[in-house]
PDB file of all heavy atoms in Angstrom:
ATOM      1  N   LEU A   1     208.709   4.721  68.305  1.00  0.00           N
ATOM      2  CA  LEU A   1     209.264   4.573  69.640  1.00  0.00           C
ATOM      3  C   LEU A   1     208.226   4.747  70.753  1.00  0.00           C
ATOM      4  O   LEU A   1     208.503   4.392  71.895  1.00  0.00           O
ATOM      5  CB  LEU A   1     210.396   5.579  69.862  1.00  0.00           C
ATOM      6  CG  LEU A   1     211.688   5.385  69.045  1.00  0.00           C
ATOM      7  CD1 LEU A   1     212.652   6.529  69.303  1.00  0.00           C
ATOM      8  CD2 LEU A   1     212.329   4.057  69.397  1.00  0.00           C
ATOM      9  N   GLY A   2     207.083   5.273  70.411  1.00  0.00           N
ATOM     10  CA  GLY A   2     206.093   5.614  71.438  1.00  0.00           C
ATOM     11  C   GLY A   2     205.692   4.448  72.319  1.00  0.00           C
ATOM     12  O   GLY A   2     205.733   4.536  73.559  1.00  0.00           O
ATOM     13  N   LEU A   3     205.309   3.342  71.701  1.00  0.00           N
ATOM     14  CA  LEU A   3     204.870   2.188  72.475  1.00  0.00           C
ATOM     15  C   LEU A   3     206.033   1.528  73.207  1.00  0.00           C
ATOM     16  O   LEU A   3     205.859   0.999  74.321  1.00  0.00           O
ATOM     17  CB  LEU A   3     204.171   1.157  71.576  1.00  0.00           C
ATOM     18  CG  LEU A   3     202.808   1.571  71.025  1.00  0.00           C
ATOM     19  CD1 LEU A   3     202.223   0.459  70.153  1.00  0.00           C
ATOM     20  CD2 LEU A   3     201.852   1.912  72.149  1.00  0.00           C
ATOM     21  N   THR A   4     207.210   1.573  72.589  1.00  0.00           N
ATOM     22  CA  THR A   4     208.406   1.003  73.253  1.00  0.00           C
ATOM     23  C   THR A   4     208.678   1.750  74.548  1.00  0.00           C
ATOM     24  O   THR A   4     208.895   1.150  75.599  1.00  0.00           O
ATOM     25  CB  THR A   4     209.618   1.092  72.327  1.00  0.00           C
ATOM     26  OG1 THR A   4     209.326   0.433  71.096  1.00  0.00           O
ATOM     27  CG2 THR A   4     210.835   0.446  72.982  1.00  0.00           C
ATOM     28  N   ILE A   5     208.676   3.067  74.465  1.00  0.00           N
ATOM     29  CA  ILE A   5     208.946   3.884  75.664  1.00  0.00           C
ATOM     30  C   ILE A   5     207.849   3.685  76.693  1.00  0.00           C
ATOM     31  O   ILE A   5     208.118   3.571  77.898  1.00  0.00           O
ATOM     32  CB  ILE A   5     209.066   5.373  75.260  1.00  0.00           C
ATOM     33  CG1 ILE A   5     210.327   5.571  74.388  1.00  0.00           C
ATOM     34  CG2 ILE A   5     209.133   6.252  76.489  1.00  0.00           C
ATOM     35  CD1 ILE A   5     210.451   6.963  73.808  1.00  0.00           C
ATOM     36  N   ALA A   6     206.575   3.643  76.267  1.00  0.00           N
ATOM     37  CA  ALA A   6     205.477   3.457  77.197  1.00  0.00           C
ATOM     38  C   ALA A   6     205.603   2.127  77.943  1.00  0.00           C
ATOM     39  O   ALA A   6     205.408   2.054  79.152  1.00  0.00           O
ATOM     40  CB  ALA A   6     204.149   3.508  76.449  1.00  0.00           C
ATOM     41  N   LYS A   7     205.976   1.088  77.217  1.00  0.00           N
ATOM     42  CA  LYS A   7     206.142  -0.229  77.831  1.00  0.00           C
ATOM     43  C   LYS A   7     207.300  -0.234  78.810  1.00  0.00           C
ATOM     44  O   LYS A   7     207.180  -0.756  79.930  1.00  0.00           O
ATOM     45  CB  LYS A   7     206.371  -1.269  76.725  1.00  0.00           C
ATOM     46  CG  LYS A   7     206.746  -2.659  77.214  1.00  0.00           C
ATOM     47  CD  LYS A   7     205.623  -3.331  77.951  1.00  0.00           C
ATOM     48  CE  LYS A   7     205.953  -4.787  78.242  1.00  0.00           C
ATOM     49  NZ  LYS A   7     204.948  -5.434  79.117  1.00  0.00           N
ATOM     50  N   MET A   8     208.418   0.361  78.417  1.00  0.00           N
ATOM     51  CA  MET A   8     209.591   0.368  79.296  1.00  0.00           C
ATOM     52  C   MET A   8     209.359   1.196  80.545  1.00  0.00           C
ATOM     53  O   MET A   8     209.786   0.843  81.640  1.00  0.00           O
ATOM     54  CB  MET A   8     210.814   0.867  78.513  1.00  0.00           C
ATOM     55  CG  MET A   8     211.209  -0.036  77.345  1.00  0.00           C
ATOM     56  SD  MET A   8     212.651   0.568  76.426  1.00  0.00           S
ATOM     57  CE  MET A   8     213.971   0.102  77.528  1.00  0.00           C
ATOM     58  N   LEU A   9     208.668   2.313  80.402  1.00  0.00           N
ATOM     59  CA  LEU A   9     208.367   3.149  81.550  1.00  0.00           C
ATOM     60  C   LEU A   9     207.395   2.467  82.498  1.00  0.00           C
ATOM     61  O   LEU A   9     207.531   2.537  83.723  1.00  0.00           O
ATOM     62  CB  LEU A   9     207.812   4.499  81.100  1.00  0.00           C
ATOM     63  CG  LEU A   9     208.774   5.478  80.461  1.00  0.00           C
ATOM     64  CD1 LEU A   9     208.052   6.727  79.950  1.00  0.00           C
ATOM     65  CD2 LEU A   9     209.876   5.877  81.465  1.00  0.00           C
ATOM     66  N   THR A  10     206.407   1.784  81.924  1.00  0.00           N
ATOM     67  CA  THR A  10     205.463   1.031  82.749  1.00  0.00           C
ATOM     68  C   THR A  10     206.181  -0.041  83.553  1.00  0.00           C
ATOM     69  O   THR A  10     205.928  -0.198  84.738  1.00  0.00           O
ATOM     70  CB  THR A  10     204.370   0.403  81.876  1.00  0.00           C
ATOM     71  OG1 THR A  10     203.689   1.425  81.145  1.00  0.00           O
ATOM     72  CG2 THR A  10     203.339  -0.336  82.756  1.00  0.00           C
ATOM     73  N   ASP A  11     207.073  -0.758  82.895  1.00  0.00           N
ATOM     74  CA  ASP A  11     207.862  -1.772  83.591  1.00  0.00           C
ATOM     75  C   ASP A  11     208.739  -1.150  84.685  1.00  0.00           C
ATOM     76  O   ASP A  11     208.858  -1.688  85.781  1.00  0.00           O
ATOM     77  CB  ASP A  11     208.721  -2.551  82.612  1.00  0.00           C
ATOM     78  CG  ASP A  11     207.904  -3.412  81.649  1.00  0.00           C
ATOM     79  OD1 ASP A  11     206.730  -3.674  81.960  1.00  0.00           O
ATOM     80  OD2 ASP A  11     208.456  -3.826  80.611  1.00  0.00           O
ATOM     81  N   LEU A  12     209.341   0.003  84.382  1.00  0.00           N
ATOM     82  CA  LEU A  12     210.191   0.686  85.346  1.00  0.00           C
ATOM     83  C   LEU A  12     209.414   1.089  86.579  1.00  0.00           C
ATOM     84  O   LEU A  12     209.924   1.068  87.707  1.00  0.00           O
ATOM     85  CB  LEU A  12     210.853   1.901  84.692  1.00  0.00           C
ATOM     86  CG  LEU A  12     211.837   2.702  85.546  1.00  0.00           C
ATOM     87  CD1 LEU A  12     213.061   1.869  85.855  1.00  0.00           C
ATOM     88  CD2 LEU A  12     212.236   4.000  84.838  1.00  0.00           C
ATOM     89  N   MET A  13     208.138   1.458  86.377  1.00  0.00           N
ATOM     90  CA  MET A  13     207.268   1.875  87.490  1.00  0.00           C
ATOM     91  C   MET A  13     206.617   0.667  88.189  1.00  0.00           C
ATOM     92  O   MET A  13     205.794   0.857  89.070  1.00  0.00           O
ATOM     93  CB  MET A  13     206.194   2.838  86.969  1.00  0.00           C
ATOM     94  CG  MET A  13     206.763   4.137  86.415  1.00  0.00           C
ATOM     95  SD  MET A  13     205.539   5.162  85.532  1.00  0.00           S
ATOM     96  CE  MET A  13     204.530   5.719  86.920  1.00  0.00           C
ATOM     97  N   GLY A  14     207.032  -0.539  87.780  1.00  0.00           N
ATOM     98  CA  GLY A  14     206.500  -1.718  88.435  1.00  0.00           C
ATOM     99  C   GLY A  14     205.107  -2.095  87.998  1.00  0.00           C
ATOM    100  O   GLY A  14     204.400  -2.817  88.696  1.00  0.00           O
ATOM    101  N   GLY A  15     204.691  -1.601  86.847  1.00  0.00           N
ATOM    102  CA  GLY A  15     203.334  -1.842  86.355  1.00  0.00           C
ATOM    103  C   GLY A  15     203.284  -2.862  85.241  1.00  0.00           C
ATOM    104  O   GLY A  15     204.251  -3.585  84.973  1.00  0.00           O
ATOM    105  N   GLU A  16     202.146  -2.868  84.549  1.00  0.00           N
ATOM    106  CA  GLU A  16     201.919  -3.839  83.476  1.00  0.00           C
ATOM    107  C   GLU A  16     201.170  -3.147  82.331  1.00  0.00           C
ATOM    108  O   GLU A  16     200.201  -2.424  82.564  1.00  0.00           O
ATOM    109  CB  GLU A  16     201.100  -5.017  84.004  1.00  0.00           C
ATOM    110  CG  GLU A  16     200.836  -6.103  82.979  1.00  0.00           C
ATOM    111  CD  GLU A  16     199.984  -7.228  83.562  1.00  0.00           C
ATOM    112  OE1 GLU A  16     199.057  -6.931  84.345  1.00  0.00           O
ATOM    113  OE2 GLU A  16     200.206  -8.394  83.184  1.00  0.00           O
ATOM    114  N   LEU A  17     201.653  -3.383  81.126  1.00  0.00           N
ATOM    115  CA  LEU A  17     201.003  -2.843  79.919  1.00  0.00           C
ATOM    116  C   LEU A  17     200.737  -3.996  78.982  1.00  0.00           C
ATOM    117  O   LEU A  17     201.659  -4.718  78.588  1.00  0.00           O
ATOM    118  CB  LEU A  17     201.912  -1.803  79.250  1.00  0.00           C
ATOM    119  CG  LEU A  17     201.514  -1.305  77.846  1.00  0.00           C
ATOM    120  CD1 LEU A  17     200.118  -0.696  77.880  1.00  0.00           C
ATOM    121  CD2 LEU A  17     202.518  -0.292  77.340  1.00  0.00           C
ATOM    122  N   THR A  18     199.466  -4.185  78.616  1.00  0.00           N
ATOM    123  CA  THR A  18     199.062  -5.252  77.711  1.00  0.00           C
ATOM    124  C   THR A  18     198.164  -4.692  76.616  1.00  0.00           C
ATOM    125  O   THR A  18     197.615  -3.592  76.739  1.00  0.00           O
ATOM    126  CB  THR A  18     198.329  -6.374  78.445  1.00  0.00           C
ATOM    127  OG1 THR A  18     197.156  -5.833  79.073  1.00  0.00           O
ATOM    128  CG2 THR A  18     199.212  -7.021  79.503  1.00  0.00           C
ATOM    129  N   VAL A  19     197.992  -5.454  75.534  1.00  0.00           N
ATOM    130  CA  VAL A  19     197.157  -5.030  74.433  1.00  0.00           C
ATOM    131  C   VAL A  19     196.380  -6.215  73.876  1.00  0.00           C
ATOM    132  O   VAL A  19     196.898  -7.329  73.789  1.00  0.00           O
ATOM    133  CB  VAL A  19     198.011  -4.367  73.313  1.00  0.00           C
ATOM    134  CG1 VAL A  19     199.112  -5.306  72.836  1.00  0.00           C
ATOM    135  CG2 VAL A  19     197.134  -3.911  72.153  1.00  0.00           C
ATOM    136  N   ASP A  20     195.121  -5.950  73.534  1.00  0.00           N
ATOM    137  CA  ASP A  20     194.284  -6.923  72.833  1.00  0.00           C
ATOM    138  C   ASP A  20     193.812  -6.268  71.538  1.00  0.00           C
ATOM    139  O   ASP A  20     193.320  -5.133  71.551  1.00  0.00           O
ATOM    140  CB  ASP A  20     193.052  -7.305  73.662  1.00  0.00           C
ATOM    141  CG  ASP A  20     193.432  -8.060  74.928  1.00  0.00           C
ATOM    142  OD1 ASP A  20     194.360  -8.891  74.854  1.00  0.00           O
ATOM    143  OD2 ASP A  20     192.813  -7.820  75.972  1.00  0.00           O
ATOM    144  N   SER A  21     193.945  -6.979  70.425  1.00  0.00           N
ATOM    145  CA  SER A  21     193.522  -6.408  69.158  1.00  0.00           C
ATOM    146  C   SER A  21     193.470  -7.485  68.100  1.00  0.00           C
ATOM    147  O   SER A  21     194.069  -8.542  68.219  1.00  0.00           O
ATOM    148  CB  SER A  21     194.488  -5.291  68.713  1.00  0.00           C
ATOM    149  OG  SER A  21     194.035  -4.664  67.513  1.00  0.00           O
ATOM    150  N   SER A  22     192.711  -7.185  67.060  1.00  0.00           N
ATOM    151  CA  SER A  22     192.690  -8.018  65.878  1.00  0.00           C
ATOM    152  C   SER A  22     192.329  -7.136  64.690  1.00  0.00           C
ATOM    153  O   SER A  22     191.701  -6.065  64.863  1.00  0.00           O
ATOM    154  CB  SER A  22     191.667  -9.177  66.016  1.00  0.00           C
ATOM    155  OG  SER A  22     190.367  -8.660  66.284  1.00  0.00           O
ATOM    156  N   THR A  23     192.719  -7.541  63.523  1.00  0.00           N
ATOM    157  CA  THR A  23     192.521  -6.721  62.326  1.00  0.00           C
ATOM    158  C   THR A  23     191.050  -6.384  62.131  1.00  0.00           C
ATOM    159  O   THR A  23     190.191  -7.254  62.145  1.00  0.00           O
ATOM    160  CB  THR A  23     193.076  -7.451  61.078  1.00  0.00           C
ATOM    161  OG1 THR A  23     194.426  -7.781  61.299  1.00  0.00           O
ATOM    162  CG2 THR A  23     192.951  -6.553  59.854  1.00  0.00           C
ATOM    163  N   GLY A  24     190.775  -5.096  61.945  1.00  0.00           N
ATOM    164  CA  GLY A  24     189.409  -4.635  61.706  1.00  0.00           C
ATOM    165  C   GLY A  24     188.544  -4.519  62.928  1.00  0.00           C
ATOM    166  O   GLY A  24     187.369  -4.125  62.821  1.00  0.00           O
ATOM    167  N   GLN A  25     189.072  -4.808  64.121  1.00  0.00           N
ATOM    168  CA  GLN A  25     188.271  -4.794  65.343  1.00  0.00           C
ATOM    169  C   GLN A  25     188.715  -3.759  66.360  1.00  0.00           C
ATOM    170  O   GLN A  25     188.239  -3.755  67.477  1.00  0.00           O
ATOM    171  CB  GLN A  25     188.309  -6.198  66.012  1.00  0.00           C
ATOM    172  CG  GLN A  25     187.801  -7.312  65.125  1.00  0.00           C
ATOM    173  CD  GLN A  25     186.313  -7.158  64.804  1.00  0.00           C
ATOM    174  OE1 GLN A  25     185.528  -6.772  65.648  1.00  0.00           O
ATOM    175  NE2 GLN A  25     185.961  -7.436  63.554  1.00  0.00           N
ATOM    176  N   GLY A  26     189.627  -2.878  65.983  1.00  0.00           N
ATOM    177  CA  GLY A  26     190.116  -1.881  66.936  1.00  0.00           C
ATOM    178  C   GLY A  26     191.117  -2.475  67.907  1.00  0.00           C
ATOM    179  O   GLY A  26     191.483  -3.653  67.802  1.00  0.00           O
ATOM    180  N   SER A  27     191.558  -1.657  68.863  1.00  0.00           N
ATOM    181  CA  SER A  27     192.566  -2.106  69.820  1.00  0.00           C
ATOM    182  C   SER A  27     192.181  -1.675  71.219  1.00  0.00           C
ATOM    183  O   SER A  27     191.477  -0.665  71.413  1.00  0.00           O
ATOM    184  CB  SER A  27     193.936  -1.518  69.462  1.00  0.00           C
ATOM    185  OG  SER A  27     194.312  -1.858  68.146  1.00  0.00           O
ATOM    186  N   ARG A  28     192.679  -2.403  72.202  1.00  0.00           N
ATOM    187  CA  ARG A  28     192.437  -2.076  73.601  1.00  0.00           C
ATOM    188  C   ARG A  28     193.731  -2.269  74.379  1.00  0.00           C
ATOM    189  O   ARG A  28     194.227  -3.364  74.510  1.00  0.00           O
ATOM    190  CB  ARG A  28     191.323  -2.951  74.201  1.00  0.00           C
ATOM    191  CG  ARG A  28     190.992  -2.599  75.657  1.00  0.00           C
ATOM    192  CD  ARG A  28     189.967  -3.511  76.272  1.00  0.00           C
ATOM    193  NE  ARG A  28     188.657  -3.340  75.648  1.00  0.00           N
ATOM    194  CZ  ARG A  28     188.074  -4.266  74.888  1.00  0.00           C
ATOM    195  NH1 ARG A  28     188.688  -5.404  74.615  1.00  0.00           N
ATOM    196  NH2 ARG A  28     186.876  -4.036  74.376  1.00  0.00           N
ATOM    197  N   PHE A  29     194.278  -1.146  74.873  1.00  0.00           N
ATOM    198  CA  PHE A  29     195.481  -1.187  75.702  1.00  0.00           C
ATOM    199  C   PHE A  29     195.065  -1.074  77.170  1.00  0.00           C
ATOM    200  O   PHE A  29     194.231  -0.249  77.517  1.00  0.00           O
ATOM    201  CB  PHE A  29     196.429  -0.038  75.336  1.00  0.00           C
ATOM    202  CG  PHE A  29     197.131  -0.225  74.038  1.00  0.00           C
ATOM    203  CD1 PHE A  29     196.523   0.093  72.818  1.00  0.00           C
ATOM    204  CD2 PHE A  29     198.424  -0.717  73.987  1.00  0.00           C
ATOM    205  CE1 PHE A  29     197.168  -0.092  71.616  1.00  0.00           C
ATOM    206  CE2 PHE A  29     199.102  -0.899  72.788  1.00  0.00           C
ATOM    207  CZ  PHE A  29     198.461  -0.573  71.609  1.00  0.00           C
ATOM    208  N   ARG A  30     195.696  -1.887  77.995  1.00  0.00           N
ATOM    209  CA  ARG A  30     195.423  -1.838  79.435  1.00  0.00           C
ATOM    210  C   ARG A  30     196.720  -1.558  80.185  1.00  0.00           C
ATOM    211  O   ARG A  30     197.749  -2.183  79.938  1.00  0.00           O
ATOM    212  CB  ARG A  30     194.824  -3.157  79.909  1.00  0.00           C
ATOM    213  CG  ARG A  30     193.436  -3.469  79.349  1.00  0.00           C
ATOM    214  CD  ARG A  30     192.873  -4.742  79.993  1.00  0.00           C
ATOM    215  NE  ARG A  30     191.519  -5.044  79.525  1.00  0.00           N
ATOM    216  CZ  ARG A  30     191.250  -5.794  78.476  1.00  0.00           C
ATOM    217  NH1 ARG A  30     192.254  -6.330  77.797  1.00  0.00           N
ATOM    218  NH2 ARG A  30     190.010  -6.018  78.101  1.00  0.00           N
ATOM    219  N   ILE A  31     196.645  -0.590  81.110  1.00  0.00           N
ATOM    220  CA  ILE A  31     197.803  -0.216  81.921  1.00  0.00           C
ATOM    221  C   ILE A  31     197.404  -0.355  83.383  1.00  0.00           C
ATOM    222  O   ILE A  31     196.359   0.136  83.809  1.00  0.00           O
ATOM    223  CB  ILE A  31     198.242   1.229  81.653  1.00  0.00           C
ATOM    224  CG1 ILE A  31     198.410   1.476  80.141  1.00  0.00           C
ATOM    225  CG2 ILE A  31     199.499   1.578  82.410  1.00  0.00           C
ATOM    226  CD1 ILE A  31     198.402   2.933  79.786  1.00  0.00           C
TER     227      ILE A  31
END
């Protein structure tokens, strides 16, 4: 539920949450 809640809260605050990732290359979340 962690990412779901983070996304919904970001939207509620009028913001934007995105992610870039690929297998074996790590992940990058932007808020």
